[in-house]
């Protein structure tokens, strides 16, 4: 998922990458959260379901506008 996010939001020529920082933190039980600027974009711990890269990318895209 990290690779999908970085590759999807490539910077325009001469501009900084829109993702300033991407941190992966290992957890137990396959739980993970995706946050953007401190706001939770997706939480497997909360939903108890896996998601798709496409769903997370769309949620990030909405928040970057």
Protein backbone atom coordinates (compact mmCIF):
# COMPACT_ATOMS: atom_id res chain seq x y z
CA UNK A 1 0.00 0.00 0.00
CA UNK A 2 2.86 2.39 0.76
CA UNK A 3 4.28 1.91 -2.72
CA UNK A 4 0.84 2.49 -4.27
CA UNK A 5 0.42 5.76 -2.36
CA UNK A 6 3.88 7.08 -3.25
CA UNK A 7 3.52 6.15 -6.92
CA UNK A 8 -0.02 7.50 -7.24
CA UNK A 9 0.78 10.92 -5.83
CA UNK A 10 3.93 11.63 -7.82
CA UNK A 11 5.06 15.26 -7.72
CA UNK A 12 4.76 17.53 -10.70
CA UNK A 13 8.08 18.48 -12.26
CA UNK A 14 9.88 20.93 -9.99
CA UNK A 15 7.45 20.58 -7.06
CA UNK A 16 7.87 18.68 -3.81
CA UNK A 17 6.20 15.31 -3.37
CA UNK A 18 2.68 15.80 -1.92
CA UNK A 19 3.39 13.08 0.65
CA UNK A 20 5.85 14.68 3.05
CA UNK A 21 6.23 11.63 5.25
CA UNK A 22 5.13 8.01 5.09
CA UNK A 23 5.67 5.91 8.20
CA UNK A 24 4.93 2.21 8.51
CA UNK A 25 4.54 0.97 12.07
CA UNK A 26 4.38 -2.79 12.62
CA UNK A 27 1.48 -4.05 14.71
CA UNK A 28 0.04 -7.37 15.76
CA UNK A 29 -2.91 -9.18 14.28
CA UNK A 30 -2.60 -7.49 10.88
CA UNK A 31 -4.01 -4.22 12.21
CA UNK A 32 -3.04 -0.96 10.57
CA UNK A 33 -4.19 2.61 10.17
CA UNK A 34 -3.63 5.12 7.42
CA UNK A 35 -3.53 8.73 8.57
CA UNK A 36 -3.03 12.00 6.74
CA UNK A 37 -2.13 15.15 8.67
CA UNK A 38 -3.17 13.43 11.89
CA UNK A 39 -6.60 12.43 10.54
CA UNK A 40 -7.46 8.74 10.20
CA UNK A 41 -8.13 7.86 6.57
CA UNK A 42 -8.64 4.15 7.20
CA UNK A 43 -8.43 1.92 10.26
CA UNK A 44 -8.47 -1.86 10.01
CA UNK A 45 -8.68 -1.94 13.80
CA UNK A 46 -11.96 0.00 13.62
CA UNK A 47 -13.50 -1.77 10.61
CA UNK A 48 -12.12 -5.29 11.23
CA UNK A 49 -11.82 -5.61 7.45
CA UNK A 50 -9.04 -5.35 4.91
CA UNK A 51 -9.41 -2.61 2.34
CA UNK A 52 -8.10 -2.09 -1.16
CA UNK A 53 -5.28 0.20 -2.20
CA UNK A 54 -7.76 1.94 -4.49
CA UNK A 55 -10.10 2.81 -1.59
CA UNK A 56 -7.30 4.27 0.52
CA UNK A 57 -5.90 6.20 -2.46
CA UNK A 58 -9.33 7.71 -3.13
CA UNK A 59 -9.71 8.75 0.53
CA UNK A 60 -6.25 10.37 0.49
CA UNK A 61 -7.03 12.09 -2.84
CA UNK A 62 -10.21 13.64 -1.34
CA UNK A 63 -8.26 15.04 1.59
CA UNK A 64 -5.43 16.46 -0.54
CA UNK A 65 -7.81 18.65 -2.58
